[in-house]
């Protein structure tokens, strides 16, 4: 498998809980950079979901947290 090259994506959609960011950069197969990330912390759960396309789909996957969950 060829590792991805750095790629810039759009900022987070501003849907709820003060979520906003600068443009997101995928740095490599295990690292993404989210500048100016803001979130109010009031949602019951918060996690990252990755896949192809602009919207979450059943073909995507939840990114594990620092505990691997």
N, C-alpha and C. Protein backbone atom coordinates (compact mmCIF):
# COMPACT_ATOMS: atom_id res chain seq x y z
N UNK A 1 0.84 -1.17 0.00
CA UNK A 1 0.00 0.00 0.00
C UNK A 1 0.90 1.25 0.00
N UNK A 2 0.54 2.21 -0.81
CA UNK A 2 1.28 3.47 -0.89
C UNK A 2 0.69 4.43 0.14
N UNK A 3 1.53 4.99 1.04
CA UNK A 3 1.00 5.93 2.03
C UNK A 3 0.45 7.18 1.35
N UNK A 4 -0.61 7.77 1.91
CA UNK A 4 -1.16 8.99 1.31
C UNK A 4 -0.20 10.16 1.42
N UNK A 5 -0.27 11.03 0.46
CA UNK A 5 0.49 12.27 0.49
C UNK A 5 -0.34 13.29 1.27
N UNK A 6 0.29 14.32 1.85
CA UNK A 6 -0.49 15.34 2.54
C UNK A 6 -1.59 15.90 1.63
N UNK A 7 -2.77 16.05 2.20
CA UNK A 7 -3.92 16.51 1.44
C UNK A 7 -4.74 17.44 2.32
N UNK A 8 -5.14 18.59 1.81
CA UNK A 8 -5.95 19.52 2.58
C UNK A 8 -7.43 19.33 2.28
N UNK A 9 -8.23 19.28 3.35
CA UNK A 9 -9.69 19.16 3.25
C UNK A 9 -10.32 20.46 3.73
N UNK A 10 -11.62 20.56 3.60
CA UNK A 10 -12.32 21.75 4.08
C UNK A 10 -12.40 21.73 5.61
N UNK A 11 -12.84 22.83 6.17
CA UNK A 11 -13.04 22.90 7.63
C UNK A 11 -14.26 22.08 8.01
N UNK A 12 -14.43 21.84 9.34
CA UNK A 12 -15.61 21.15 9.83
C UNK A 12 -16.86 21.96 9.53
N UNK A 13 -17.97 21.26 9.25
CA UNK A 13 -19.26 21.93 9.13
C UNK A 13 -19.64 22.43 10.51
N UNK A 14 -20.28 23.56 10.56
CA UNK A 14 -20.69 24.16 11.84
C UNK A 14 -22.13 23.77 12.14
N UNK A 15 -22.31 22.57 12.70
CA UNK A 15 -23.65 22.05 12.93
C UNK A 15 -24.16 22.31 14.35
N UNK A 16 -23.38 21.99 15.35
CA UNK A 16 -23.85 22.11 16.73
C UNK A 16 -22.66 22.16 17.67
N UNK A 17 -22.91 22.56 18.90
CA UNK A 17 -21.92 22.55 19.99
C UNK A 17 -20.67 23.38 19.68
N UNK A 18 -20.84 24.43 18.90
CA UNK A 18 -19.73 25.34 18.63
C UNK A 18 -18.62 24.73 17.80
N UNK A 19 -18.88 23.60 17.14
CA UNK A 19 -17.85 22.93 16.36
C UNK A 19 -17.41 23.80 15.19
N UNK A 20 -16.11 24.04 15.12
CA UNK A 20 -15.53 24.75 13.98
C UNK A 20 -14.03 24.47 13.96
N UNK A 21 -13.41 24.73 12.83
CA UNK A 21 -11.97 24.50 12.68
C UNK A 21 -11.46 25.25 11.47
N UNK A 22 -10.15 25.23 11.32
CA UNK A 22 -9.55 25.67 10.07
C UNK A 22 -9.55 24.49 9.12
N UNK A 23 -8.99 24.66 7.91
CA UNK A 23 -8.91 23.55 6.96
C UNK A 23 -8.13 22.37 7.57
N UNK A 24 -8.65 21.18 7.39
CA UNK A 24 -8.05 19.97 7.95
C UNK A 24 -7.02 19.42 6.97
N UNK A 25 -5.87 18.97 7.49
CA UNK A 25 -4.84 18.39 6.63
C UNK A 25 -4.58 16.95 7.03
N UNK A 26 -4.66 16.05 6.05
CA UNK A 26 -4.26 14.67 6.26
C UNK A 26 -2.76 14.64 6.00
N UNK A 27 -1.98 14.28 7.02
CA UNK A 27 -0.52 14.31 6.90
C UNK A 27 0.04 12.98 6.42
N UNK A 28 -0.49 11.86 6.93
CA UNK A 28 -0.06 10.53 6.51
C UNK A 28 -1.16 9.54 6.88
N UNK A 29 -0.87 8.25 6.79
CA UNK A 29 -1.88 7.22 7.02
C UNK A 29 -2.42 7.19 8.44
N UNK A 30 -1.72 7.81 9.41
CA UNK A 30 -2.17 7.77 10.80
C UNK A 30 -2.33 9.13 11.44
N UNK A 31 -2.14 10.21 10.68
CA UNK A 31 -2.12 11.54 11.30
C UNK A 31 -2.94 12.54 10.50
N UNK A 32 -3.83 13.25 11.20
CA UNK A 32 -4.47 14.40 10.59
C UNK A 32 -4.35 15.58 11.52
N UNK A 33 -4.30 16.77 10.95
CA UNK A 33 -4.09 18.01 11.70
C UNK A 33 -5.33 18.88 11.55
N UNK A 34 -5.87 19.30 12.69
CA UNK A 34 -7.08 20.13 12.70
C UNK A 34 -6.74 21.43 13.42
N UNK A 35 -6.39 22.49 12.68
CA UNK A 35 -6.05 23.76 13.33
C UNK A 35 -7.29 24.47 13.84
N UNK A 36 -7.11 25.21 14.90
CA UNK A 36 -8.19 26.04 15.47
C UNK A 36 -9.46 25.25 15.75
N UNK A 37 -9.31 24.06 16.32
CA UNK A 37 -10.47 23.23 16.65
C UNK A 37 -11.18 23.82 17.86
N UNK A 38 -12.47 24.03 17.72
CA UNK A 38 -13.32 24.53 18.81
C UNK A 38 -14.52 23.61 18.94
N UNK A 39 -14.85 23.24 20.18
CA UNK A 39 -15.98 22.37 20.49
C UNK A 39 -16.37 22.65 21.93
N UNK A 40 -17.66 22.80 22.22
CA UNK A 40 -18.07 23.19 23.57
C UNK A 40 -18.06 22.03 24.57
N UNK A 41 -17.92 20.79 24.13
CA UNK A 41 -17.84 19.64 25.03
C UNK A 41 -19.17 19.21 25.63
N UNK A 42 -20.27 19.79 25.21
CA UNK A 42 -21.56 19.51 25.84
C UNK A 42 -22.34 18.35 25.21
N UNK A 43 -21.86 17.77 24.12
CA UNK A 43 -22.57 16.64 23.51
C UNK A 43 -22.32 15.37 24.33
N UNK A 44 -23.25 14.40 24.27
CA UNK A 44 -23.06 13.18 25.06
C UNK A 44 -21.85 12.36 24.60
N UNK A 45 -21.56 12.33 23.32
CA UNK A 45 -20.40 11.61 22.77
C UNK A 45 -19.81 12.45 21.64
N UNK A 46 -18.52 12.38 21.49
CA UNK A 46 -17.86 13.05 20.38
C UNK A 46 -16.76 12.14 19.87
N UNK A 47 -16.72 11.92 18.59
CA UNK A 47 -15.69 11.09 17.98
C UNK A 47 -15.51 11.49 16.53
N UNK A 48 -14.44 10.99 15.92
CA UNK A 48 -14.17 11.24 14.52
C UNK A 48 -14.60 10.03 13.70
N UNK A 49 -15.17 10.28 12.54
CA UNK A 49 -15.64 9.24 11.63
C UNK A 49 -14.97 9.53 10.29
N UNK A 50 -14.29 8.54 9.71
CA UNK A 50 -13.59 8.75 8.44
C UNK A 50 -14.11 7.81 7.37
N UNK A 51 -13.94 8.22 6.14
CA UNK A 51 -14.36 7.43 4.99
C UNK A 51 -14.19 8.27 3.74
N UNK A 52 -14.87 7.90 2.69
CA UNK A 52 -14.81 8.67 1.45
C UNK A 52 -16.09 9.46 1.29
N UNK A 53 -15.99 10.62 0.69
CA UNK A 53 -17.15 11.46 0.47
C UNK A 53 -17.34 12.48 1.57
N UNK A 54 -18.26 13.43 1.36
CA UNK A 54 -18.44 14.53 2.31
C UNK A 54 -19.31 14.22 3.51
N UNK A 55 -20.02 13.11 3.53
CA UNK A 55 -20.94 12.80 4.62
C UNK A 55 -20.59 11.44 5.23
N UNK A 56 -20.85 11.24 6.53
CA UNK A 56 -20.64 9.90 7.11
C UNK A 56 -21.52 8.87 6.40
N UNK A 57 -21.01 7.67 6.25
CA UNK A 57 -21.79 6.61 5.64
C UNK A 57 -21.46 5.29 6.33
N UNK A 58 -22.23 4.27 6.03
CA UNK A 58 -21.99 2.95 6.63
C UNK A 58 -20.68 2.35 6.15
N UNK A 59 -20.06 2.92 5.13
CA UNK A 59 -18.79 2.41 4.62
C UNK A 59 -17.60 3.07 5.30
N UNK A 60 -17.85 4.04 6.18
CA UNK A 60 -16.77 4.69 6.91
C UNK A 60 -16.43 3.91 8.17
N UNK A 61 -15.57 4.51 9.00
CA UNK A 61 -15.23 3.86 10.26
C UNK A 61 -14.92 4.91 11.33
N UNK A 62 -15.22 4.56 12.56
CA UNK A 62 -14.93 5.41 13.71
C UNK A 62 -13.43 5.35 14.00
N UNK A 63 -12.81 6.51 14.21
CA UNK A 63 -11.39 6.57 14.55
C UNK A 63 -11.25 6.27 16.04
N UNK A 64 -10.42 5.27 16.41
CA UNK A 64 -10.25 4.95 17.82
C UNK A 64 -9.64 6.13 18.59
N UNK A 65 -10.02 6.25 19.86
CA UNK A 65 -9.44 7.29 20.71
C UNK A 65 -8.08 6.84 21.24
N UNK A 66 -7.51 7.61 22.14
CA UNK A 66 -6.19 7.28 22.67
C UNK A 66 -6.15 5.97 23.45
N UNK A 67 -7.32 5.45 23.83
CA UNK A 67 -7.40 4.17 24.53
C UNK A 67 -7.71 3.01 23.58
N UNK A 68 -7.81 3.32 22.28
CA UNK A 68 -8.12 2.29 21.29
C UNK A 68 -9.58 1.93 21.22
N UNK A 69 -10.43 2.76 21.81
CA UNK A 69 -11.88 2.48 21.83
C UNK A 69 -12.59 3.20 20.70
